[in-house]
Amino acid sequence: MGLKNKFYLIFTLTLLIISCKKENSSTVTEINYPNFSAVKPGNYWIYQHYKIDNSGNSTPMDIFDSCYVEKDTMINSKKYYKLNRPNHGNLFPINNLIRDSLHYIINSKGEILFSSQDFQTIFISYYDILNSTDTITHTVFKMEDKNATTITQAGTFTTSNAEKTIYLYSNNIVSNVKTGNTLYSEKTGIITESANIFQFAMYNYERRLVRYHVN
């Protein structure tokens, strides 16, 4: 093979290699989902409690609590973050181990706590039935109120609502509706959080963010 032919062969192979690299790189798409959990060791949030009557009137209480990310830990080869937070006698939900999975926040039981994108799926729907015929409650959990504005002492936030609704029945007819809301903001985490819903309570309680630090 002459020198000229060798040159053209090397030139052709070089073009093919470059072409293949460009084609391969164009097919790789990395999706960066928004971070609504804001879980990283050292991050913390401080909340004030509010008492809310059945008419929706809220009264601030002299109760403050803090939540912070203690550490990360591996469970079934997946990284979770451990939150250290009080629950005040099971008044507030306990989700001490959470992780991000695509656009979801899930706990160590595999339960979905939040989604930044899925506002159609009903993640939980179940009935409490007495004596196989008398419906007591119907519980539903789904995402609502995408990109709403929420104001607390900590500032003004754009939030989405992980909403839990309980329909209370009397003689198999809906007699009352109670709603619990957990509002998340991107890069900040939970802004407000309703207490666990007690069916016949005169008041509900809510945490509202007053101060925070996120890395």
N, C-alpha and C. Protein backbone atom coordinates (compact mmCIF):
# COMPACT_ATOMS: atom_id res chain seq x y z
N MET A 1 0.86 -1.19 0.00
CA MET A 1 0.00 0.00 0.00
C MET A 1 0.89 1.23 0.00
N GLY A 2 0.58 2.18 -0.90
CA GLY A 2 1.38 3.39 -0.98
C GLY A 2 1.11 4.34 0.17
N LEU A 3 1.99 5.32 0.31
CA LEU A 3 1.87 6.28 1.39
C LEU A 3 0.58 7.08 1.28
N LYS A 4 0.20 7.43 0.03
CA LYS A 4 -1.01 8.21 -0.19
C LYS A 4 -2.24 7.43 0.24
N ASN A 5 -2.28 6.10 -0.11
CA ASN A 5 -3.42 5.27 0.27
C ASN A 5 -3.50 5.10 1.78
N LYS A 6 -2.34 4.96 2.44
CA LYS A 6 -2.33 4.83 3.90
C LYS A 6 -2.90 6.09 4.55
N PHE A 7 -2.56 7.24 3.96
CA PHE A 7 -3.04 8.50 4.53
C PHE A 7 -4.57 8.58 4.46
N TYR A 8 -5.12 8.20 3.27
CA TYR A 8 -6.57 8.24 3.12
C TYR A 8 -7.26 7.23 4.03
N LEU A 9 -6.65 6.07 4.25
CA LEU A 9 -7.24 5.06 5.14
C LEU A 9 -7.29 5.58 6.57
N ILE A 10 -6.19 6.17 7.05
CA ILE A 10 -6.15 6.71 8.42
C ILE A 10 -7.15 7.85 8.55
N PHE A 11 -7.25 8.71 7.55
CA PHE A 11 -8.17 9.85 7.59
C PHE A 11 -9.62 9.38 7.67
N THR A 12 -9.95 8.33 6.88
CA THR A 12 -11.32 7.79 6.86
C THR A 12 -11.68 7.18 8.21
N LEU A 13 -10.76 6.39 8.78
CA LEU A 13 -11.01 5.77 10.09
C LEU A 13 -11.20 6.83 11.17
N THR A 14 -10.43 7.89 11.12
CA THR A 14 -10.55 8.98 12.10
C THR A 14 -11.93 9.63 12.03
N LEU A 15 -12.42 9.87 10.81
CA LEU A 15 -13.74 10.45 10.63
C LEU A 15 -14.83 9.54 11.17
N LEU A 16 -14.67 8.23 10.94
CA LEU A 16 -15.67 7.27 11.44
C LEU A 16 -15.72 7.27 12.96
N ILE A 17 -14.56 7.30 13.60
CA ILE A 17 -14.50 7.29 15.06
C ILE A 17 -15.16 8.54 15.64
N ILE A 18 -14.82 9.71 15.05
CA ILE A 18 -15.41 10.96 15.51
C ILE A 18 -16.92 10.95 15.33
N SER A 19 -17.38 10.45 14.18
CA SER A 19 -18.81 10.38 13.88
C SER A 19 -19.53 9.50 14.88
N CYS A 20 -18.94 8.35 15.22
CA CYS A 20 -19.56 7.43 16.19
C CYS A 20 -19.65 8.08 17.56
N LYS A 21 -18.61 8.79 17.97
CA LYS A 21 -18.62 9.43 19.29
C LYS A 21 -19.71 10.47 19.36
N LYS A 22 -19.86 11.28 18.29
CA LYS A 22 -20.91 12.29 18.28
C LYS A 22 -22.29 11.67 18.34
N GLU A 23 -22.47 10.58 17.60
CA GLU A 23 -23.78 9.93 17.57
C GLU A 23 -24.11 9.36 18.94
N ASN A 24 -23.14 8.72 19.58
CA ASN A 24 -23.39 8.13 20.90
C ASN A 24 -23.69 9.19 21.94
N SER A 25 -22.94 10.30 21.91
CA SER A 25 -23.14 11.34 22.92
C SER A 25 -24.49 12.00 22.77
N SER A 26 -25.02 12.08 21.54
CA SER A 26 -26.30 12.73 21.34
C SER A 26 -27.46 11.89 21.84
N THR A 27 -27.26 10.59 22.03
CA THR A 27 -28.35 9.73 22.46
C THR A 27 -28.43 9.61 23.98
N VAL A 28 -27.43 10.14 24.69
CA VAL A 28 -27.43 10.06 26.15
C VAL A 28 -28.11 11.31 26.72
N THR A 29 -29.23 11.12 27.42
CA THR A 29 -29.98 12.23 28.00
C THR A 29 -30.05 12.06 29.50
N GLU A 30 -29.52 13.02 30.21
CA GLU A 30 -29.55 12.97 31.67
C GLU A 30 -30.63 13.92 32.17
N ILE A 31 -31.58 13.40 32.95
CA ILE A 31 -32.67 14.21 33.47
C ILE A 31 -32.36 14.59 34.90
N ASN A 32 -32.31 15.88 35.18
CA ASN A 32 -32.10 16.36 36.53
C ASN A 32 -33.44 16.80 37.11
N TYR A 33 -33.98 15.97 38.01
CA TYR A 33 -35.28 16.27 38.59
C TYR A 33 -35.13 17.31 39.70
N PRO A 34 -36.14 18.17 39.89
CA PRO A 34 -36.08 19.16 40.96
C PRO A 34 -35.94 18.49 42.33
N ASN A 35 -35.23 19.15 43.22
CA ASN A 35 -34.99 18.62 44.56
C ASN A 35 -35.95 19.28 45.55
N PHE A 36 -36.97 18.54 45.96
CA PHE A 36 -37.94 19.08 46.91
C PHE A 36 -37.71 18.56 48.33
N SER A 37 -36.91 17.53 48.49
CA SER A 37 -36.68 17.00 49.84
C SER A 37 -35.63 17.81 50.59
N ALA A 38 -34.63 18.33 49.85
CA ALA A 38 -33.54 19.12 50.44
C ALA A 38 -32.84 18.38 51.57
N VAL A 39 -32.73 17.06 51.44
CA VAL A 39 -32.09 16.28 52.49
C VAL A 39 -30.59 16.16 52.23
N LYS A 40 -29.83 16.70 53.16
CA LYS A 40 -28.38 16.63 53.13
C LYS A 40 -27.90 16.84 54.56
N PRO A 41 -26.98 16.01 55.03
CA PRO A 41 -26.51 16.16 56.42
C PRO A 41 -26.10 17.60 56.71
N GLY A 42 -26.61 18.13 57.81
CA GLY A 42 -26.35 19.51 58.19
C GLY A 42 -27.52 20.44 57.95
N ASN A 43 -28.46 20.05 57.10
CA ASN A 43 -29.63 20.87 56.85
C ASN A 43 -30.59 20.79 58.03
N TYR A 44 -31.26 21.92 58.33
CA TYR A 44 -32.24 21.90 59.43
C TYR A 44 -33.38 22.87 59.13
N TRP A 45 -34.51 22.62 59.81
CA TRP A 45 -35.71 23.42 59.67
C TRP A 45 -36.33 23.62 61.06
N ILE A 46 -36.81 24.82 61.35
CA ILE A 46 -37.47 25.11 62.62
C ILE A 46 -38.90 25.56 62.33
N TYR A 47 -39.85 24.96 63.02
CA TYR A 47 -41.28 25.21 62.78
C TYR A 47 -41.97 25.71 64.05
N GLN A 48 -43.00 26.53 63.84
CA GLN A 48 -43.89 26.92 64.93
C GLN A 48 -45.22 26.21 64.73
N HIS A 49 -45.85 25.81 65.85
CA HIS A 49 -47.12 25.12 65.79
C HIS A 49 -48.28 26.12 65.79
N TYR A 50 -49.33 25.77 65.05
CA TYR A 50 -50.55 26.55 65.01
C TYR A 50 -51.74 25.62 65.30
N LYS A 51 -52.72 26.16 66.02
CA LYS A 51 -53.96 25.43 66.28
C LYS A 51 -55.03 25.98 65.33
N ILE A 52 -55.73 25.08 64.65
CA ILE A 52 -56.69 25.47 63.62
C ILE A 52 -58.06 24.89 63.97
N ASP A 53 -59.08 25.75 64.07
CA ASP A 53 -60.42 25.25 64.40
C ASP A 53 -61.12 24.76 63.14
N ASN A 54 -62.31 24.25 63.32
CA ASN A 54 -63.04 23.65 62.20
C ASN A 54 -63.51 24.69 61.17
N SER A 55 -63.41 25.96 61.52
CA SER A 55 -63.76 27.02 60.56
C SER A 55 -62.54 27.52 59.79
N GLY A 56 -61.37 26.96 60.12
CA GLY A 56 -60.15 27.34 59.42
C GLY A 56 -59.37 28.47 60.06
N ASN A 57 -59.83 28.95 61.22
CA ASN A 57 -59.12 30.02 61.92
C ASN A 57 -57.90 29.44 62.63
N SER A 58 -56.73 30.07 62.45
CA SER A 58 -55.50 29.55 63.03
C SER A 58 -54.98 30.47 64.13
N THR A 59 -54.43 29.84 65.18
CA THR A 59 -53.89 30.56 66.32
C THR A 59 -52.47 30.08 66.57
N PRO A 60 -51.48 30.99 66.58
CA PRO A 60 -50.11 30.55 66.85
C PRO A 60 -49.97 30.08 68.28
N MET A 61 -49.15 29.04 68.47
CA MET A 61 -48.89 28.48 69.78
C MET A 61 -47.44 28.72 70.16
N ASP A 62 -47.17 28.69 71.45
CA ASP A 62 -45.80 28.88 71.92
C ASP A 62 -45.06 27.55 71.92
N ILE A 63 -45.13 26.85 70.79
CA ILE A 63 -44.47 25.56 70.63
C ILE A 63 -43.64 25.60 69.35
N PHE A 64 -42.36 25.33 69.47
CA PHE A 64 -41.46 25.29 68.33
C PHE A 64 -40.74 23.94 68.34
N ASP A 65 -40.47 23.43 67.17
CA ASP A 65 -39.64 22.23 67.10
C ASP A 65 -38.72 22.30 65.90
N SER A 66 -37.72 21.46 65.93
CA SER A 66 -36.72 21.47 64.86
C SER A 66 -36.61 20.10 64.24
N CYS A 67 -36.20 20.11 63.01
CA CYS A 67 -35.97 18.88 62.25
C CYS A 67 -34.63 19.05 61.55
N TYR A 68 -33.78 18.05 61.62
CA TYR A 68 -32.50 18.15 60.93
C TYR A 68 -32.11 16.80 60.34
N VAL A 69 -31.28 16.87 59.31
CA VAL A 69 -30.79 15.66 58.65
C VAL A 69 -29.58 15.16 59.44
N GLU A 70 -29.74 14.00 60.05
CA GLU A 70 -28.70 13.47 60.92
C GLU A 70 -27.57 12.82 60.13
N LYS A 71 -27.94 11.97 59.17
CA LYS A 71 -26.92 11.24 58.41
C LYS A 71 -27.59 10.54 57.24
N ASP A 72 -26.78 9.93 56.38
CA ASP A 72 -27.33 9.06 55.35
C ASP A 72 -27.00 7.62 55.70
N THR A 73 -27.81 6.70 55.18
CA THR A 73 -27.63 5.28 55.49
C THR A 73 -28.10 4.46 54.31
N MET A 74 -27.54 3.28 54.14
CA MET A 74 -27.90 2.39 53.02
C MET A 74 -28.90 1.35 53.49
N ILE A 75 -29.97 1.20 52.72
CA ILE A 75 -30.99 0.17 52.95
C ILE A 75 -31.26 -0.51 51.62
N ASN A 76 -31.01 -1.82 51.56
CA ASN A 76 -31.19 -2.57 50.31
C ASN A 76 -30.47 -1.89 49.14
N SER A 77 -29.23 -1.49 49.40
CA SER A 77 -28.34 -0.89 48.40
C SER A 77 -28.83 0.47 47.90
N LYS A 78 -29.73 1.12 48.63
CA LYS A 78 -30.21 2.45 48.26
C LYS A 78 -29.95 3.42 49.41
N LYS A 79 -29.56 4.62 49.06
CA LYS A 79 -29.21 5.61 50.07
C LYS A 79 -30.45 6.35 50.57
N TYR A 80 -30.64 6.31 51.88
CA TYR A 80 -31.70 7.06 52.54
C TYR A 80 -31.07 8.10 53.46
N TYR A 81 -31.85 9.10 53.80
CA TYR A 81 -31.39 10.12 54.73
C TYR A 81 -32.25 10.06 56.00
N LYS A 82 -31.57 10.07 57.13
CA LYS A 82 -32.26 9.97 58.41
C LYS A 82 -32.57 11.37 58.95
N LEU A 83 -33.86 11.62 59.17
CA LEU A 83 -34.30 12.88 59.73
C LEU A 83 -34.51 12.71 61.23
N ASN A 84 -34.01 13.64 61.99
CA ASN A 84 -34.26 13.66 63.42
C ASN A 84 -35.33 14.71 63.67
N ARG A 85 -36.51 14.27 64.10
CA ARG A 85 -37.63 15.19 64.27
C ARG A 85 -38.59 14.69 65.33
N PRO A 86 -39.16 15.59 66.14
CA PRO A 86 -40.15 15.17 67.14
C PRO A 86 -41.50 14.95 66.48
N ASN A 87 -42.32 14.13 67.11
CA ASN A 87 -43.68 13.93 66.57
C ASN A 87 -44.76 14.29 67.57
N HIS A 88 -44.37 14.69 68.79
CA HIS A 88 -45.32 15.16 69.79
C HIS A 88 -46.46 14.17 70.00
N GLY A 89 -46.11 12.99 70.45
CA GLY A 89 -47.13 11.98 70.76
C GLY A 89 -47.89 11.50 69.55
N ASN A 90 -47.17 11.27 68.45
CA ASN A 90 -47.78 10.80 67.19
C ASN A 90 -48.73 11.82 66.58
N LEU A 91 -48.60 13.08 66.99
CA LEU A 91 -49.44 14.11 66.40
C LEU A 91 -49.07 14.36 64.94
N PHE A 92 -47.77 14.27 64.65
CA PHE A 92 -47.30 14.50 63.29
C PHE A 92 -46.78 13.19 62.68
N PRO A 93 -46.85 13.06 61.36
CA PRO A 93 -46.38 11.82 60.71
C PRO A 93 -44.91 11.55 61.00
N ILE A 94 -44.56 10.28 61.04
CA ILE A 94 -43.18 9.90 61.27
C ILE A 94 -42.61 9.34 59.98
N ASN A 95 -41.74 10.09 59.33
CA ASN A 95 -41.04 9.62 58.13
C ASN A 95 -39.57 9.93 58.33
N ASN A 96 -38.91 9.13 59.15
CA ASN A 96 -37.54 9.43 59.55
C ASN A 96 -36.50 9.03 58.52
N LEU A 97 -36.84 8.15 57.60
CA LEU A 97 -35.91 7.70 56.56
C LEU A 97 -36.55 7.94 55.20
N ILE A 98 -35.96 8.84 54.42
CA ILE A 98 -36.53 9.16 53.12
C ILE A 98 -35.43 9.24 52.07
N ARG A 99 -35.85 9.17 50.81
CA ARG A 99 -34.90 9.34 49.71
C ARG A 99 -35.66 9.88 48.50
N ASP A 100 -34.91 10.48 47.57
CA ASP A 100 -35.46 10.91 46.29
C ASP A 100 -35.36 9.77 45.30
N SER A 101 -36.41 9.57 44.53
CA SER A 101 -36.43 8.57 43.47
C SER A 101 -37.12 9.19 42.27
N LEU A 102 -36.32 9.57 41.26
CA LEU A 102 -36.83 10.34 40.13
C LEU A 102 -37.49 11.61 40.67
N HIS A 103 -38.79 11.81 40.41
CA HIS A 103 -39.46 13.01 40.91
C HIS A 103 -40.30 12.73 42.15
N TYR A 104 -40.07 11.58 42.78
CA TYR A 104 -40.79 11.20 43.99
C TYR A 104 -39.91 11.34 45.23
N ILE A 105 -40.56 11.56 46.38
CA ILE A 105 -39.93 11.37 47.68
C ILE A 105 -40.62 10.17 48.31
N ILE A 106 -39.84 9.17 48.73
CA ILE A 106 -40.42 7.97 49.30
C ILE A 106 -39.75 7.68 50.63
N ASN A 107 -40.47 6.90 51.48
CA ASN A 107 -39.88 6.51 52.75
C ASN A 107 -39.32 5.10 52.66
N SER A 108 -38.80 4.60 53.78
CA SER A 108 -38.13 3.30 53.77
C SER A 108 -39.10 2.14 53.58
N LYS A 109 -40.42 2.41 53.69
CA LYS A 109 -41.43 1.38 53.42
C LYS A 109 -41.82 1.34 51.95
N GLY A 110 -41.26 2.25 51.17
CA GLY A 110 -41.61 2.32 49.75
C GLY A 110 -42.85 3.16 49.49
N GLU A 111 -43.35 3.86 50.50
CA GLU A 111 -44.55 4.68 50.33
C GLU A 111 -44.18 6.04 49.73
N ILE A 112 -44.99 6.50 48.79
CA ILE A 112 -44.76 7.80 48.15
C ILE A 112 -45.27 8.90 49.07
N LEU A 113 -44.40 9.86 49.36
CA LEU A 113 -44.77 10.99 50.20
C LEU A 113 -45.04 12.25 49.38
N PHE A 114 -44.47 12.31 48.17
CA PHE A 114 -44.55 13.53 47.38
C PHE A 114 -44.12 13.23 45.94
N SER A 115 -44.68 13.99 45.00
CA SER A 115 -44.20 13.98 43.62
C SER A 115 -44.22 15.40 43.09
N SER A 116 -43.16 15.79 42.42
CA SER A 116 -43.11 17.13 41.83
C SER A 116 -43.78 17.19 40.47
N GLN A 117 -44.14 16.02 39.89
CA GLN A 117 -44.67 16.01 38.53
C GLN A 117 -45.99 15.27 38.38
N ASP A 118 -46.24 14.27 39.19
CA ASP A 118 -47.43 13.44 39.02
C ASP A 118 -48.59 14.00 39.85
N PHE A 119 -49.47 14.75 39.19
CA PHE A 119 -50.63 15.33 39.85
C PHE A 119 -51.93 14.65 39.40
N GLN A 120 -51.80 13.48 38.82
CA GLN A 120 -52.96 12.73 38.35
C GLN A 120 -53.22 11.46 39.18
N THR A 121 -52.14 10.79 39.56
CA THR A 121 -52.27 9.50 40.23
C THR A 121 -52.78 9.66 41.66
N ILE A 122 -53.73 8.81 42.03
CA ILE A 122 -54.15 8.70 43.43
C ILE A 122 -53.26 7.65 44.06
N PHE A 123 -52.36 8.06 44.94
CA PHE A 123 -51.36 7.17 45.50
C PHE A 123 -51.95 6.27 46.59
N ILE A 124 -52.95 6.77 47.30
CA ILE A 124 -53.61 5.97 48.35
C ILE A 124 -55.11 6.18 48.23
N SER A 125 -55.87 5.10 48.31
CA SER A 125 -57.32 5.17 48.37
C SER A 125 -57.83 3.92 49.08
N TYR A 126 -58.42 4.11 50.24
CA TYR A 126 -58.95 2.95 50.97
C TYR A 126 -60.14 3.37 51.84
N TYR A 127 -60.97 2.38 52.16
CA TYR A 127 -62.17 2.59 52.97
C TYR A 127 -62.03 1.88 54.31
N ASP A 128 -62.57 2.49 55.35
CA ASP A 128 -62.76 1.81 56.63
C ASP A 128 -64.23 1.45 56.72
N ILE A 129 -64.51 0.15 56.82
CA ILE A 129 -65.89 -0.34 56.78
C ILE A 129 -66.19 -1.13 58.04
N LEU A 130 -67.34 -0.85 58.64
CA LEU A 130 -67.77 -1.53 59.86
C LEU A 130 -68.83 -2.58 59.52
N ASN A 131 -68.62 -3.77 60.06
CA ASN A 131 -69.58 -4.87 59.86
C ASN A 131 -69.83 -5.19 58.38
N SER A 132 -68.82 -4.95 57.57
CA SER A 132 -68.82 -5.31 56.14
C SER A 132 -69.79 -4.48 55.30
N THR A 133 -70.58 -3.60 55.90
CA THR A 133 -71.57 -2.86 55.13
C THR A 133 -71.58 -1.35 55.40
N ASP A 134 -71.17 -0.95 56.59
CA ASP A 134 -71.28 0.44 57.00
C ASP A 134 -69.94 1.16 56.78
N THR A 135 -69.88 2.02 55.77
CA THR A 135 -68.66 2.77 55.49
C THR A 135 -68.45 3.85 56.54
N ILE A 136 -67.26 3.86 57.15
CA ILE A 136 -66.93 4.86 58.17
C ILE A 136 -66.15 6.01 57.57
N THR A 137 -65.08 5.70 56.82
CA THR A 137 -64.26 6.73 56.20
C THR A 137 -63.74 6.26 54.84
N HIS A 138 -63.37 7.22 54.04
CA HIS A 138 -62.67 6.97 52.78
C HIS A 138 -61.47 7.90 52.75
N THR A 139 -60.27 7.34 52.67
CA THR A 139 -59.03 8.12 52.69
C THR A 139 -58.41 8.16 51.30
N VAL A 140 -58.01 9.34 50.87
CA VAL A 140 -57.42 9.54 49.54
C VAL A 140 -56.16 10.40 49.69
N PHE A 141 -55.10 10.02 48.97
CA PHE A 141 -53.87 10.80 48.98
C PHE A 141 -53.40 11.03 47.55
N LYS A 142 -53.22 12.30 47.16
CA LYS A 142 -52.68 12.65 45.84
C LYS A 142 -52.10 14.05 45.90
N MET A 143 -51.37 14.41 44.85
CA MET A 143 -50.77 15.73 44.75
C MET A 143 -51.81 16.75 44.27
N GLU A 144 -51.76 17.95 44.85
CA GLU A 144 -52.66 19.03 44.48
C GLU A 144 -51.90 20.36 44.49
N ASP A 145 -52.53 21.40 43.99
CA ASP A 145 -52.08 22.80 44.13
C ASP A 145 -50.64 23.00 43.67
N LYS A 146 -50.36 22.63 42.44
CA LYS A 146 -49.01 22.79 41.91
C LYS A 146 -48.65 24.26 41.76
N ASN A 147 -47.45 24.61 42.21
CA ASN A 147 -46.90 25.96 42.06
C ASN A 147 -47.78 27.03 42.69
N ALA A 148 -48.30 26.73 43.87
CA ALA A 148 -49.04 27.73 44.64
C ALA A 148 -48.05 28.61 45.41
N THR A 149 -48.54 29.71 45.94
CA THR A 149 -47.72 30.61 46.76
C THR A 149 -48.06 30.43 48.22
N THR A 150 -47.06 30.18 49.04
CA THR A 150 -47.25 29.98 50.47
C THR A 150 -46.33 30.93 51.23
N ILE A 151 -46.90 31.62 52.23
CA ILE A 151 -46.15 32.60 53.02
C ILE A 151 -46.10 32.16 54.47
N THR A 152 -44.91 32.11 55.03
CA THR A 152 -44.71 31.87 56.46
C THR A 152 -43.71 32.91 56.97
N GLN A 153 -43.36 32.80 58.25
CA GLN A 153 -42.37 33.71 58.80
C GLN A 153 -41.02 33.58 58.09
N ALA A 154 -40.77 32.42 57.49
CA ALA A 154 -39.48 32.19 56.83
C ALA A 154 -39.40 32.83 55.46
N GLY A 155 -40.55 33.27 54.89
CA GLY A 155 -40.52 33.90 53.59
C GLY A 155 -41.69 33.48 52.72
N THR A 156 -41.57 33.77 51.44
CA THR A 156 -42.59 33.43 50.45
C THR A 156 -42.05 32.33 49.56
N PHE A 157 -42.84 31.26 49.38
CA PHE A 157 -42.35 30.06 48.69
C PHE A 157 -43.35 29.63 47.61
N THR A 158 -42.83 29.03 46.56
CA THR A 158 -43.66 28.35 45.57
C THR A 158 -43.75 26.88 45.98
N THR A 159 -44.96 26.40 46.20
CA THR A 159 -45.14 25.09 46.81
C THR A 159 -46.07 24.19 46.01
N SER A 160 -45.96 22.89 46.27
CA SER A 160 -46.91 21.89 45.80
C SER A 160 -47.36 21.08 47.01
N ASN A 161 -48.60 20.61 46.97
CA ASN A 161 -49.27 20.07 48.15
C ASN A 161 -49.45 18.56 48.06
N ALA A 162 -48.83 17.84 49.00
CA ALA A 162 -49.12 16.41 49.17
C ALA A 162 -50.34 16.32 50.09
N GLU A 163 -51.50 16.12 49.50
CA GLU A 163 -52.77 16.29 50.22
C GLU A 163 -53.40 14.94 50.59
N LYS A 164 -53.75 14.82 51.86
CA LYS A 164 -54.47 13.65 52.36
C LYS A 164 -55.87 14.09 52.76
N THR A 165 -56.88 13.46 52.19
CA THR A 165 -58.26 13.81 52.46
C THR A 165 -59.00 12.62 53.05
N ILE A 166 -59.73 12.87 54.14
CA ILE A 166 -60.56 11.83 54.75
C ILE A 166 -62.02 12.24 54.64
N TYR A 167 -62.81 11.42 53.99
CA TYR A 167 -64.25 11.63 53.89
C TYR A 167 -64.91 10.83 55.02
N LEU A 168 -65.64 11.54 55.88
CA LEU A 168 -66.31 10.90 57.00
C LEU A 168 -67.75 10.57 56.59
N TYR A 169 -68.20 9.36 56.91
CA TYR A 169 -69.52 8.90 56.50
C TYR A 169 -70.45 8.75 57.70
N SER A 170 -71.73 9.00 57.45
CA SER A 170 -72.79 8.71 58.40
C SER A 170 -73.93 8.07 57.63
N ASN A 171 -74.27 6.86 58.01
CA ASN A 171 -75.29 6.09 57.27
C ASN A 171 -74.93 5.97 55.79
N ASN A 172 -73.61 5.71 55.55
CA ASN A 172 -73.09 5.52 54.20
C ASN A 172 -73.19 6.76 53.31
N ILE A 173 -73.33 7.93 53.92
CA ILE A 173 -73.35 9.19 53.18
C ILE A 173 -72.26 10.09 53.76
N VAL A 174 -71.53 10.77 52.88
CA VAL A 174 -70.46 11.65 53.34
C VAL A 174 -71.06 12.77 54.19
N SER A 175 -70.59 12.87 55.44
CA SER A 175 -71.12 13.87 56.36
C SER A 175 -70.11 14.98 56.66
N ASN A 176 -68.82 14.71 56.43
CA ASN A 176 -67.79 15.71 56.71
C ASN A 176 -66.53 15.34 55.93
N VAL A 177 -65.70 16.34 55.69
CA VAL A 177 -64.44 16.12 54.97
C VAL A 177 -63.33 16.81 55.75
N LYS A 178 -62.25 16.09 56.01
CA LYS A 178 -61.08 16.67 56.68
C LYS A 178 -59.86 16.49 55.79
N THR A 179 -59.06 17.53 55.74
CA THR A 179 -57.91 17.53 54.83
C THR A 179 -56.63 17.85 55.58
N GLY A 180 -55.60 17.08 55.28
CA GLY A 180 -54.26 17.36 55.80
C GLY A 180 -53.32 17.69 54.65
N ASN A 181 -52.54 18.74 54.81
CA ASN A 181 -51.69 19.23 53.73
C ASN A 181 -50.22 19.26 54.16
N THR A 182 -49.35 18.82 53.27
CA THR A 182 -47.91 18.99 53.47
C THR A 182 -47.37 19.70 52.24
N LEU A 183 -46.93 20.93 52.43
CA LEU A 183 -46.49 21.77 51.32
C LEU A 183 -44.98 21.75 51.21
N TYR A 184 -44.50 21.38 50.04
CA TYR A 184 -43.05 21.31 49.75
C TYR A 184 -42.66 22.42 48.79
N SER A 185 -41.44 22.93 48.97
CA SER A 185 -40.89 23.91 48.04
C SER A 185 -39.54 23.42 47.54
N GLU A 186 -39.27 23.66 46.26
CA GLU A 186 -38.02 23.19 45.67
C GLU A 186 -36.81 23.79 46.38
N LYS A 187 -35.83 22.94 46.67
CA LYS A 187 -34.55 23.29 47.31
C LYS A 187 -34.71 23.74 48.76
N THR A 188 -35.93 23.65 49.30
CA THR A 188 -36.15 24.07 50.69
C THR A 188 -36.72 22.95 51.53
N GLY A 189 -37.62 22.14 50.96
CA GLY A 189 -38.23 21.05 51.72
C GLY A 189 -39.64 21.40 52.16
N ILE A 190 -40.04 20.92 53.35
CA ILE A 190 -41.40 21.11 53.85
C ILE A 190 -41.55 22.52 54.41
N ILE A 191 -42.57 23.23 53.92
CA ILE A 191 -42.85 24.59 54.37
C ILE A 191 -43.92 24.58 55.45
N THR A 192 -45.01 23.88 55.23
CA THR A 192 -46.02 23.68 56.26
C THR A 192 -46.43 22.21 56.26
N GLU A 193 -46.89 21.74 57.41
CA GLU A 193 -47.22 20.32 57.55
C GLU A 193 -48.38 20.15 58.53
N SER A 194 -49.47 19.52 58.06
CA SER A 194 -50.60 19.25 58.94
C SER A 194 -50.29 18.07 59.85
N ALA A 195 -50.90 18.09 61.03
CA ALA A 195 -50.81 16.96 61.93
C ALA A 195 -51.64 15.81 61.39
N ASN A 196 -51.45 14.61 61.96
CA ASN A 196 -52.31 13.49 61.64
C ASN A 196 -53.77 13.87 61.87
N ILE A 197 -54.64 13.41 61.00
CA ILE A 197 -56.05 13.79 61.08
C ILE A 197 -56.77 12.88 62.07
N PHE A 198 -57.38 13.52 63.07
CA PHE A 198 -58.24 12.78 64.01
C PHE A 198 -59.69 13.10 63.68
N GLN A 199 -60.48 12.07 63.48
CA GLN A 199 -61.79 12.22 62.86
C GLN A 199 -62.71 13.20 63.58
N PHE A 200 -62.75 13.14 64.91
CA PHE A 200 -63.74 13.91 65.64
C PHE A 200 -63.12 15.01 66.50
N ALA A 201 -61.87 15.39 66.19
CA ALA A 201 -61.19 16.43 66.96
C ALA A 201 -61.79 17.80 66.67
N MET A 202 -61.83 18.65 67.71
CA MET A 202 -62.34 20.01 67.55
C MET A 202 -61.32 20.90 66.84
N TYR A 203 -60.04 20.54 66.95
CA TYR A 203 -58.98 21.35 66.36
C TYR A 203 -58.03 20.45 65.56
N ASN A 204 -57.36 21.07 64.62
CA ASN A 204 -56.22 20.42 63.98
C ASN A 204 -54.98 21.27 64.26
N TYR A 205 -53.82 20.72 63.97
CA TYR A 205 -52.59 21.42 64.26
C TYR A 205 -51.70 21.40 63.02
N GLU A 206 -50.84 22.40 62.92
CA GLU A 206 -50.00 22.55 61.74
C GLU A 206 -48.65 23.13 62.15
N ARG A 207 -47.60 22.64 61.50
CA ARG A 207 -46.28 23.24 61.62
C ARG A 207 -46.07 24.22 60.48
N ARG A 208 -45.48 25.38 60.81
CA ARG A 208 -45.17 26.36 59.77
C ARG A 208 -43.71 26.79 59.92
N LEU A 209 -43.02 26.84 58.80
CA LEU A 209 -41.58 27.11 58.82
C LEU A 209 -41.30 28.54 59.27
N VAL A 210 -40.37 28.69 60.23
CA VAL A 210 -39.96 30.01 60.69
C VAL A 210 -38.49 30.29 60.38
N ARG A 211 -37.68 29.26 60.29
CA ARG A 211 -36.26 29.44 60.00
C ARG A 211 -35.69 28.13 59.46
N TYR A 212 -34.67 28.22 58.60
CA TYR A 212 -34.09 26.99 58.03
C TYR A 212 -32.69 27.27 57.51
N HIS A 213 -31.96 26.17 57.31
CA HIS A 213 -30.64 26.23 56.68
C HIS A 213 -30.50 25.01 55.79
N VAL A 214 -30.26 25.23 54.50
CA VAL A 214 -30.05 24.12 53.57
C VAL A 214 -28.77 24.38 52.78
N ASN A 215 -28.00 23.33 52.59
CA ASN A 215 -26.76 23.42 51.81
C ASN A 215 -27.04 23.29 50.31
